[in-house]
Amino acid sequence: MQEFRHRAPQKKRENMIYGIHPVLEALEAGKEIEKIMLQRDGKSNAFREIMSLATRLEVPLQKVPSEKLDNLTRGAHQGVVAFVSLVDYQPIENILMGIYDNGESPLLIILDRVTDVRNLGAIARTAECAGVHALIVPSRGSALINADAVKTSAGALNNIAVHRSPNLKETLQYLKDSGLCIVAVTEHASNIYYQSDLSGPLVLILGSEEDGISPEYLKYADKKVQIPLFGSTGSLNVSVAAGIAIFETLRQRNSSNL
C-alpha cells in the first residue's frame, strides 16, 4: 500500500500566480490549477482566451470585483489570478489500477461540498493514517487544497492520492461499474454504521456540515448508514464523522482477515 500512496508529490508552499501571460502560460503548460479568479468586467481577447482554455481544461472560473484581486496581489494582477495546486491530481482510472495492481481492496473517500480547508485537511490526515487509498473532491464547491489544508493534514495530503472530479455523478457511476460499494454516511439512514458490512471494496461519501450529502449523489448509494447521536447537539463535525466511518471500515477489514 505504501508504494502506491507515496506517488503523490511533495510540494511545500502554495503558489498564486497573476497576470494575463503568466496565467496563460500556466494553463498551456498543463499545470494543476485549483481555480482562476477573473475581474468581473474584463472583456479583452486575452480574457476570452483564458476562459476558453480554462473551460476546456475543466478549471473552475470565478468572476470577482477588481478590489478582491487588488487585496490578493496589491494591484498587479491585470484582472486575473490563478491558484496553482499543491498536489498533482490523479485520474481515477489510474488510482484504481494502482490499487488493484497492488492486490488490495479499494477504500476511497468522496467529500461532497466540504468547504472548510481545516476539515478537509483533518479528513486527509485521518484517511492517510488509516490507509485510505484516495480522496475524491469535486472541482467546484470544495475547499481548495491550499497551504492551510496541507498544514492541517500534517503533510498527509502529500502522501495520499487525490482525484478532482469535474462530474461526481460520472465518477460515482464509474466506481459502481468497477465493483465498488457506495456507502453514504448520512443522518437520513436507518442502518447504524457498525451494523452494516463495510469490509469489501468501498467508497465512503460524506457531505457538507450544513445539509449533508446532495440528493443527486445519495441516489447512487448502495448503502446508507448513520452514526447515532445521544446528546443534544444535532450533528458531528464532518472530520469526526469521517474518522468514525473510516476506522469502523478498517476494523471490519481486519476482523475478516483473522
C-alpha atoms as a PDB file:
ATOM      1  CA  MET A   1       0.000   0.000   0.000  1.00  0.00           C
ATOM      2  CA  GLN A   2       2.775   2.436   0.881  1.00  0.00           C
ATOM      3  CA  GLU A   3       4.322   2.247  -2.573  1.00  0.00           C
ATOM      4  CA  PHE A   4       1.135   3.436  -4.267  1.00  0.00           C
ATOM      5  CA  ARG A   5       0.130   6.070  -1.745  1.00  0.00           C
ATOM      6  CA  HIS A   6       3.510   7.797  -1.875  1.00  0.00           C
ATOM      7  CA  ARG A   7       3.255   8.599  -5.571  1.00  0.00           C
ATOM      8  CA  ALA A   8       1.739  11.999  -4.776  1.00  0.00           C
ATOM      9  CA  PRO A   9       4.424  14.692  -4.965  1.00  0.00           C
ATOM     10  CA  GLN A  10       5.975  16.630  -2.128  1.00  0.00           C
ATOM     11  CA  LYS A  11       5.297  20.355  -2.502  1.00  0.00           C
ATOM     12  CA  LYS A  12       5.990  22.795   0.270  1.00  0.00           C
ATOM     13  CA  ARG A  13       4.145  26.017  -0.480  1.00  0.00           C
ATOM     14  CA  GLU A  14       1.068  27.390  -2.121  1.00  0.00           C
ATOM     15  CA  ASN A  15       1.563  29.090  -5.483  1.00  0.00           C
ATOM     16  CA  MET A  16      -0.572  32.026  -6.553  1.00  0.00           C
ATOM     17  CA  ILE A  17       0.194  33.429  -9.993  1.00  0.00           C
ATOM     18  CA  TYR A  18      -1.306  36.530 -11.540  1.00  0.00           C
ATOM     19  CA  GLY A  19      -1.185  38.493 -14.741  1.00  0.00           C
ATOM     20  CA  ILE A  20      -2.547  37.524 -18.146  1.00  0.00           C
ATOM     21  CA  HIS A  21       0.570  35.979 -19.675  1.00  0.00           C
ATOM     22  CA  PRO A  22       1.736  34.024 -16.585  1.00  0.00           C
ATOM     23  CA  VAL A  23      -1.735  32.514 -16.185  1.00  0.00           C
ATOM     24  CA  LEU A  24      -1.988  31.649 -19.875  1.00  0.00           C
ATOM     25  CA  GLU A  25       1.454  30.068 -19.760  1.00  0.00           C
ATOM     26  CA  ALA A  26       0.473  28.019 -16.706  1.00  0.00           C
ATOM     27  CA  LEU A  27      -2.652  26.752 -18.470  1.00  0.00           C
ATOM     28  CA  GLU A  28      -0.772  25.934 -21.659  1.00  0.00           C
ATOM     29  CA  ALA A  29       1.950  24.143 -19.670  1.00  0.00           C
ATOM     30  CA  GLY A  30      -0.659  21.873 -18.099  1.00  0.00           C
ATOM     31  CA  LYS A  31      -0.082  22.982 -14.510  1.00  0.00           C
ATOM     32  CA  GLU A  32      -2.631  21.754 -11.966  1.00  0.00           C
ATOM     33  CA  ILE A  33      -4.737  24.825 -11.231  1.00  0.00           C
ATOM     34  CA  GLU A  34      -7.295  24.856  -8.428  1.00  0.00           C
ATOM     35  CA  LYS A  35      -9.261  27.810  -9.775  1.00  0.00           C
ATOM     36  CA  ILE A  36      -8.926  31.090 -11.630  1.00  0.00           C
ATOM     37  CA  MET A  37     -10.359  34.407 -10.458  1.00  0.00           C
ATOM     38  CA  LEU A  38     -11.209  36.866 -13.227  1.00  0.00           C
ATOM     39  CA  GLN A  39     -12.077  40.528 -12.893  1.00  0.00           C
ATOM     40  CA  ARG A  40     -15.829  40.759 -13.280  1.00  0.00           C
ATOM     41  CA  ASP A  41     -15.845  43.410 -16.016  1.00  0.00           C
ATOM     42  CA  GLY A  42     -12.901  42.044 -18.023  1.00  0.00           C
ATOM     43  CA  LYS A  43     -13.732  41.705 -21.734  1.00  0.00           C
ATOM     44  CA  SER A  44     -10.429  41.606 -23.628  1.00  0.00           C
ATOM     45  CA  ASN A  45      -9.425  38.906 -26.102  1.00  0.00           C
ATOM     46  CA  ALA A  46      -6.899  37.644 -23.560  1.00  0.00           C
ATOM     47  CA  PHE A  47      -9.687  37.200 -21.011  1.00  0.00           C
ATOM     48  CA  ARG A  48     -11.725  35.238 -23.518  1.00  0.00           C
ATOM     49  CA  GLU A  49      -8.697  33.081 -24.312  1.00  0.00           C
ATOM     50  CA  ILE A  50      -8.148  32.312 -20.623  1.00  0.00           C
ATOM     51  CA  MET A  51     -11.831  31.495 -20.137  1.00  0.00           C
ATOM     52  CA  SER A  52     -11.910  29.244 -23.196  1.00  0.00           C
ATOM     53  CA  LEU A  53      -8.761  27.346 -22.256  1.00  0.00           C
ATOM     54  CA  ALA A  54      -9.774  27.009 -18.600  1.00  0.00           C
ATOM     55  CA  THR A  55     -13.209  25.713 -19.590  1.00  0.00           C
ATOM     56  CA  ARG A  56     -11.655  23.148 -21.924  1.00  0.00           C
ATOM     57  CA  LEU A  57      -9.300  22.013 -19.142  1.00  0.00           C
ATOM     58  CA  GLU A  58     -12.174  21.945 -16.610  1.00  0.00           C
ATOM     59  CA  VAL A  59     -10.527  24.532 -14.369  1.00  0.00           C
ATOM     60  CA  PRO A  60     -13.121  26.348 -12.219  1.00  0.00           C
ATOM     61  CA  LEU A  61     -13.581  30.043 -13.024  1.00  0.00           C
ATOM     62  CA  GLN A  62     -14.835  32.718 -10.651  1.00  0.00           C
ATOM     63  CA  LYS A  63     -15.641  36.315 -11.605  1.00  0.00           C
ATOM     64  CA  VAL A  64     -14.901  38.738  -8.779  1.00  0.00           C
ATOM     65  CA  PRO A  65     -14.650  42.509  -8.227  1.00  0.00           C
ATOM     66  CA  SER A  66     -11.312  44.104  -9.018  1.00  0.00           C
ATOM     67  CA  GLU A  67     -10.954  45.025  -5.339  1.00  0.00           C
ATOM     68  CA  LYS A  68     -10.725  41.366  -4.364  1.00  0.00           C
ATOM     69  CA  LEU A  69      -7.863  40.826  -6.793  1.00  0.00           C
ATOM     70  CA  ASP A  70      -6.221  44.020  -5.521  1.00  0.00           C
ATOM     71  CA  ASN A  71      -6.289  42.630  -1.986  1.00  0.00           C
ATOM     72  CA  LEU A  72      -4.638  39.419  -3.132  1.00  0.00           C
ATOM     73  CA  THR A  73      -1.902  40.948  -5.271  1.00  0.00           C
ATOM     74  CA  ARG A  74      -1.553  44.619  -4.297  1.00  0.00           C
ATOM     75  CA  GLY A  75      -2.918  45.647  -7.665  1.00  0.00           C
ATOM     76  CA  ALA A  76      -0.519  43.993 -10.130  1.00  0.00           C
ATOM     77  CA  HIS A  77      -2.922  41.346 -11.429  1.00  0.00           C
ATOM     78  CA  GLN A  78      -4.151  42.549 -14.886  1.00  0.00           C
ATOM     79  CA  GLY A  79      -7.556  41.198 -13.898  1.00  0.00           C
ATOM     80  CA  VAL A  80      -6.615  37.549 -13.397  1.00  0.00           C
ATOM     81  CA  VAL A  81      -5.300  35.428 -10.527  1.00  0.00           C
ATOM     82  CA  ALA A  82      -4.751  31.657 -10.611  1.00  0.00           C
ATOM     83  CA  PHE A  83      -4.195  29.315  -7.698  1.00  0.00           C
ATOM     84  CA  VAL A  84      -1.812  26.516  -8.615  1.00  0.00           C
ATOM     85  CA  SER A  85      -2.483  23.289  -6.758  1.00  0.00           C
ATOM     86  CA  LEU A  86      -0.137  21.991  -4.094  1.00  0.00           C
ATOM     87  CA  VAL A  87      -0.855  18.417  -5.180  1.00  0.00           C
ATOM     88  CA  ASP A  88      -0.944  16.694  -8.545  1.00  0.00           C
ATOM     89  CA  TYR A  89      -4.436  15.316  -9.041  1.00  0.00           C
ATOM     90  CA  GLN A  90      -4.595  11.774 -10.343  1.00  0.00           C
ATOM     91  CA  PRO A  91      -7.077  10.248 -12.805  1.00  0.00           C
ATOM     92  CA  ILE A  92      -9.499   7.937 -11.031  1.00  0.00           C
ATOM     93  CA  GLU A  93      -8.693   5.185 -13.529  1.00  0.00           C
ATOM     94  CA  ASN A  94      -5.010   5.315 -12.574  1.00  0.00           C
ATOM     95  CA  ILE A  95      -5.845   5.273  -8.879  1.00  0.00           C
ATOM     96  CA  LEU A  96      -7.980   2.139  -9.177  1.00  0.00           C
ATOM     97  CA  MET A  97      -5.425   0.435 -11.411  1.00  0.00           C
ATOM     98  CA  GLY A  98      -2.684   1.107  -8.858  1.00  0.00           C
ATOM     99  CA  ILE A  99      -4.788  -0.306  -6.034  1.00  0.00           C
ATOM    100  CA  TYR A 100      -5.638  -3.493  -7.904  1.00  0.00           C
ATOM    101  CA  ASP A 101      -2.070  -3.885  -9.175  1.00  0.00           C
ATOM    102  CA  ASN A 102      -1.012  -3.942  -5.514  1.00  0.00           C
ATOM    103  CA  GLY A 103      -3.551  -6.681  -4.820  1.00  0.00           C
ATOM    104  CA  GLU A 104      -5.565  -4.504  -2.448  1.00  0.00           C
ATOM    105  CA  SER A 105      -9.255  -3.856  -1.867  1.00  0.00           C
ATOM    106  CA  PRO A 106     -10.100  -0.219  -2.646  1.00  0.00           C
ATOM    107  CA  LEU A 107     -11.118   2.199   0.091  1.00  0.00           C
ATOM    108  CA  LEU A 108     -11.892   5.677  -1.213  1.00  0.00           C
ATOM    109  CA  ILE A 109     -13.432   8.798   0.317  1.00  0.00           C
ATOM    110  CA  ILE A 110     -15.673  11.244  -1.548  1.00  0.00           C
ATOM    111  CA  LEU A 111     -16.211  14.667   0.014  1.00  0.00           C
ATOM    112  CA  ASP A 112     -19.306  16.464  -1.242  1.00  0.00           C
ATOM    113  CA  ARG A 113     -19.098  20.242  -0.708  1.00  0.00           C
ATOM    114  CA  VAL A 114     -16.734  20.128   2.246  1.00  0.00           C
ATOM    115  CA  THR A 115     -15.676  23.760   2.053  1.00  0.00           C
ATOM    116  CA  ASP A 116     -13.603  24.264   5.204  1.00  0.00           C
ATOM    117  CA  VAL A 117      -9.910  23.714   4.471  1.00  0.00           C
ATOM    118  CA  ARG A 118      -9.247  22.589   8.042  1.00  0.00           C
ATOM    119  CA  ASN A 119     -11.916  19.913   7.825  1.00  0.00           C
ATOM    120  CA  LEU A 120     -10.508  18.745   4.505  1.00  0.00           C
ATOM    121  CA  GLY A 121      -7.012  18.629   5.966  1.00  0.00           C
ATOM    122  CA  ALA A 122      -8.156  16.777   9.078  1.00  0.00           C
ATOM    123  CA  ILE A 123     -10.006  14.195   6.982  1.00  0.00           C
ATOM    124  CA  ALA A 124      -6.940  13.715   4.782  1.00  0.00           C
ATOM    125  CA  ARG A 125      -4.787  13.156   7.870  1.00  0.00           C
ATOM    126  CA  THR A 126      -7.139  10.527   9.284  1.00  0.00           C
ATOM    127  CA  ALA A 127      -7.572   8.870   5.900  1.00  0.00           C
ATOM    128  CA  GLU A 128      -3.850   8.608   5.224  1.00  0.00           C
ATOM    129  CA  CYS A 129      -3.183   7.229   8.716  1.00  0.00           C
ATOM    130  CA  ALA A 130      -5.840   4.562   8.136  1.00  0.00           C
ATOM    131  CA  GLY A 131      -4.508   3.528   4.730  1.00  0.00           C
ATOM    132  CA  VAL A 132      -7.317   5.013   2.644  1.00  0.00           C
ATOM    133  CA  HIS A 133      -6.190   4.913  -0.959  1.00  0.00           C
ATOM    134  CA  ALA A 134      -7.553   8.237  -2.213  1.00  0.00           C
ATOM    135  CA  LEU A 135      -9.684  11.287  -1.605  1.00  0.00           C
ATOM    136  CA  ILE A 136     -12.124  12.424  -4.279  1.00  0.00           C
ATOM    137  CA  VAL A 137     -13.265  16.045  -4.317  1.00  0.00           C
ATOM    138  CA  PRO A 138     -15.449  17.914  -6.815  1.00  0.00           C
ATOM    139  CA  SER A 139     -13.801  20.566  -8.947  1.00  0.00           C
ATOM    140  CA  ARG A 140     -16.464  23.055  -7.840  1.00  0.00           C
ATOM    141  CA  GLY A 141     -17.864  23.702  -4.385  1.00  0.00           C
ATOM    142  CA  SER A 142     -14.978  22.157  -2.465  1.00  0.00           C
ATOM    143  CA  ALA A 143     -12.293  23.625  -0.236  1.00  0.00           C
ATOM    144  CA  LEU A 144      -9.067  24.486  -2.015  1.00  0.00           C
ATOM    145  CA  ILE A 145      -6.110  22.297  -1.219  1.00  0.00           C
ATOM    146  CA  ASN A 146      -4.011  25.208  -0.051  1.00  0.00           C
ATOM    147  CA  ALA A 147      -1.269  25.729   2.499  1.00  0.00           C
ATOM    148  CA  ASP A 148      -3.744  25.676   5.395  1.00  0.00           C
ATOM    149  CA  ALA A 149      -5.200  22.361   4.235  1.00  0.00           C
ATOM    150  CA  VAL A 150      -1.748  20.806   3.858  1.00  0.00           C
ATOM    151  CA  LYS A 151      -0.682  22.107   7.271  1.00  0.00           C
ATOM    152  CA  THR A 152      -3.835  20.788   8.970  1.00  0.00           C
ATOM    153  CA  SER A 153      -3.278  17.426   7.298  1.00  0.00           C
ATOM    154  CA  ALA A 154       0.217  17.258   8.885  1.00  0.00           C
ATOM    155  CA  GLY A 155       1.572  16.582   5.403  1.00  0.00           C
ATOM    156  CA  ALA A 156      -0.858  13.743   4.668  1.00  0.00           C
ATOM    157  CA  LEU A 157      -2.058  15.495   1.509  1.00  0.00           C
ATOM    158  CA  ASN A 158       1.431  14.910   0.123  1.00  0.00           C
ATOM    159  CA  ASN A 159       1.107  11.175   0.739  1.00  0.00           C
ATOM    160  CA  ILE A 160      -2.412  10.280  -0.344  1.00  0.00           C
ATOM    161  CA  ALA A 161      -3.742  10.255  -3.887  1.00  0.00           C
ATOM    162  CA  VAL A 162      -6.314  12.944  -4.672  1.00  0.00           C
ATOM    163  CA  HIS A 163      -8.727  12.953  -7.598  1.00  0.00           C
ATOM    164  CA  ARG A 164     -10.549  16.134  -8.565  1.00  0.00           C
ATOM    165  CA  SER A 165     -13.794  15.197 -10.290  1.00  0.00           C
ATOM    166  CA  PRO A 166     -15.429  17.581 -12.764  1.00  0.00           C
ATOM    167  CA  ASN A 167     -18.583  15.448 -12.602  1.00  0.00           C
ATOM    168  CA  LEU A 168     -19.235  13.467  -9.403  1.00  0.00           C
ATOM    169  CA  LYS A 169     -22.198  11.663 -10.947  1.00  0.00           C
ATOM    170  CA  GLU A 170     -19.979  10.187 -13.643  1.00  0.00           C
ATOM    171  CA  THR A 171     -17.298   9.343 -11.090  1.00  0.00           C
ATOM    172  CA  LEU A 172     -19.813   7.587  -8.827  1.00  0.00           C
ATOM    173  CA  GLN A 173     -21.194   5.606 -11.748  1.00  0.00           C
ATOM    174  CA  TYR A 174     -17.681   4.631 -12.835  1.00  0.00           C
ATOM    175  CA  LEU A 175     -16.871   3.406  -9.324  1.00  0.00           C
ATOM    176  CA  LYS A 176     -20.119   1.424  -9.139  1.00  0.00           C
ATOM    177  CA  ASP A 177     -19.402  -0.134 -12.536  1.00  0.00           C
ATOM    178  CA  SER A 178     -15.913  -1.005 -11.249  1.00  0.00           C
ATOM    179  CA  GLY A 179     -17.406  -3.097  -8.452  1.00  0.00           C
ATOM    180  CA  LEU A 180     -17.109  -0.707  -5.519  1.00  0.00           C
ATOM    181  CA  CYS A 181     -19.899  -0.403  -2.969  1.00  0.00           C
ATOM    182  CA  ILE A 182     -21.009   3.202  -2.494  1.00  0.00           C
ATOM    183  CA  VAL A 183     -21.759   3.926   1.176  1.00  0.00           C
ATOM    184  CA  ALA A 184     -23.295   7.255   2.169  1.00  0.00           C
ATOM    185  CA  VAL A 185     -22.679   8.380   5.741  1.00  0.00           C
ATOM    186  CA  THR A 186     -25.846  10.359   6.409  1.00  0.00           C
ATOM    187  CA  GLU A 187     -28.344  11.145   9.131  1.00  0.00           C
ATOM    188  CA  HIS A 188     -31.043  10.166   6.616  1.00  0.00           C
ATOM    189  CA  ALA A 189     -30.389   6.463   7.141  1.00  0.00           C
ATOM    190  CA  SER A 190     -31.964   3.727   9.224  1.00  0.00           C
ATOM    191  CA  ASN A 191     -28.919   1.444   9.412  1.00  0.00           C
ATOM    192  CA  ILE A 192     -26.249   2.026  12.070  1.00  0.00           C
ATOM    193  CA  TYR A 193     -22.738   2.198  10.616  1.00  0.00           C
ATOM    194  CA  TYR A 194     -21.295  -0.665  12.696  1.00  0.00           C
ATOM    195  CA  GLN A 195     -24.223  -2.939  11.797  1.00  0.00           C
ATOM    196  CA  SER A 196     -23.507  -2.655   8.065  1.00  0.00           C
ATOM    197  CA  ASP A 197     -20.975  -4.671   6.093  1.00  0.00           C
ATOM    198  CA  LEU A 198     -18.129  -2.314   5.208  1.00  0.00           C
ATOM    199  CA  SER A 199     -15.493  -4.955   4.547  1.00  0.00           C
ATOM    200  CA  GLY A 200     -15.471  -5.041   0.737  1.00  0.00           C
ATOM    201  CA  PRO A 201     -14.258  -2.634  -1.967  1.00  0.00           C
ATOM    202  CA  LEU A 202     -15.742   0.609  -0.729  1.00  0.00           C
ATOM    203  CA  VAL A 203     -16.389   4.281  -1.313  1.00  0.00           C
ATOM    204  CA  LEU A 204     -17.469   6.365   1.680  1.00  0.00           C
ATOM    205  CA  ILE A 205     -19.341   9.585   0.850  1.00  0.00           C
ATOM    206  CA  LEU A 206     -19.532  12.424   3.350  1.00  0.00           C
ATOM    207  CA  GLY A 207     -21.343  15.693   2.801  1.00  0.00           C
ATOM    208  CA  SER A 208     -21.280  19.270   3.962  1.00  0.00           C
ATOM    209  CA  GLU A 209     -21.977  20.060   7.594  1.00  0.00           C
ATOM    210  CA  GLU A 210     -24.791  22.402   6.586  1.00  0.00           C
ATOM    211  CA  ASP A 211     -27.033  19.993   4.692  1.00  0.00           C
ATOM    212  CA  GLY A 212     -25.188  16.697   4.283  1.00  0.00           C
ATOM    213  CA  ILE A 213     -24.859  14.794   1.024  1.00  0.00           C
ATOM    214  CA  SER A 214     -26.651  16.186  -2.022  1.00  0.00           C
ATOM    215  CA  PRO A 215     -29.759  14.182  -3.018  1.00  0.00           C
ATOM    216  CA  GLU A 216     -28.337  13.852  -6.535  1.00  0.00           C
ATOM    217  CA  TYR A 217     -25.433  11.824  -5.105  1.00  0.00           C
ATOM    218  CA  LEU A 218     -27.386   9.988  -2.413  1.00  0.00           C
ATOM    219  CA  LYS A 219     -29.287   8.113  -5.098  1.00  0.00           C
ATOM    220  CA  TYR A 220     -26.034   6.427  -6.171  1.00  0.00           C
ATOM    221  CA  ALA A 221     -25.526   4.937  -2.709  1.00  0.00           C
ATOM    222  CA  ASP A 222     -25.745   1.158  -2.382  1.00  0.00           C
ATOM    223  CA  LYS A 223     -25.956   1.603   1.385  1.00  0.00           C
ATOM    224  CA  LYS A 224     -26.825   4.481   3.691  1.00  0.00           C
ATOM    225  CA  VAL A 225     -25.507   4.416   7.236  1.00  0.00           C
ATOM    226  CA  GLN A 226     -25.840   6.752  10.174  1.00  0.00           C
ATOM    227  CA  ILE A 227     -23.735   7.480  13.224  1.00  0.00           C
ATOM    228  CA  PRO A 228     -26.129   7.564  16.199  1.00  0.00           C
ATOM    229  CA  LEU A 229     -26.032  10.606  18.465  1.00  0.00           C
ATOM    230  CA  PHE A 230     -27.049  10.576  22.116  1.00  0.00           C
ATOM    231  CA  GLY A 231     -26.598  14.195  23.183  1.00  0.00           C
ATOM    232  CA  SER A 232     -28.472  17.382  22.398  1.00  0.00           C
ATOM    233  CA  THR A 233     -26.072  18.608  19.682  1.00  0.00           C
ATOM    234  CA  GLY A 234     -27.560  17.928  16.274  1.00  0.00           C
ATOM    235  CA  SER A 235     -24.532  16.766  14.315  1.00  0.00           C
ATOM    236  CA  LEU A 236     -20.875  15.782  14.347  1.00  0.00           C
ATOM    237  CA  ASN A 237     -18.084  17.704  12.720  1.00  0.00           C
ATOM    238  CA  VAL A 238     -17.602  16.119   9.292  1.00  0.00           C
ATOM    239  CA  SER A 239     -13.967  15.254  10.021  1.00  0.00           C
ATOM    240  CA  VAL A 240     -15.027  13.386  13.178  1.00  0.00           C
ATOM    241  CA  ALA A 241     -17.756  11.538  11.272  1.00  0.00           C
ATOM    242  CA  ALA A 242     -15.199  10.604   8.625  1.00  0.00           C
ATOM    243  CA  GLY A 243     -12.824   9.225  11.251  1.00  0.00           C
ATOM    244  CA  ILE A 244     -15.536   7.084  12.828  1.00  0.00           C
ATOM    245  CA  ALA A 245     -16.608   5.609   9.481  1.00  0.00           C
ATOM    246  CA  ILE A 246     -13.047   5.070   8.255  1.00  0.00           C
ATOM    247  CA  PHE A 247     -11.874   3.218  11.339  1.00  0.00           C
ATOM    248  CA  GLU A 248     -15.016   1.083  11.509  1.00  0.00           C
ATOM    249  CA  THR A 249     -14.248   0.043   7.937  1.00  0.00           C
ATOM    250  CA  LEU A 250     -10.674  -0.728   8.971  1.00  0.00           C
ATOM    251  CA  ARG A 251     -11.877  -2.728  11.987  1.00  0.00           C
ATOM    252  CA  GLN A 252     -14.178  -4.844   9.836  1.00  0.00           C
ATOM    253  CA  ARG A 253     -11.489  -5.489   7.254  1.00  0.00           C
ATOM    254  CA  ASN A 254      -9.005  -6.567   9.900  1.00  0.00           C
ATOM    255  CA  SER A 255     -11.601  -8.803  11.576  1.00  0.00           C
ATOM    256  CA  SER A 256     -12.449 -10.510   8.296  1.00  0.00           C
ATOM    257  CA  ASN A 257      -8.759 -11.320   7.758  1.00  0.00           C
ATOM    258  CA  LEU A 258      -8.306 -13.037  11.130  1.00  0.00           C
END
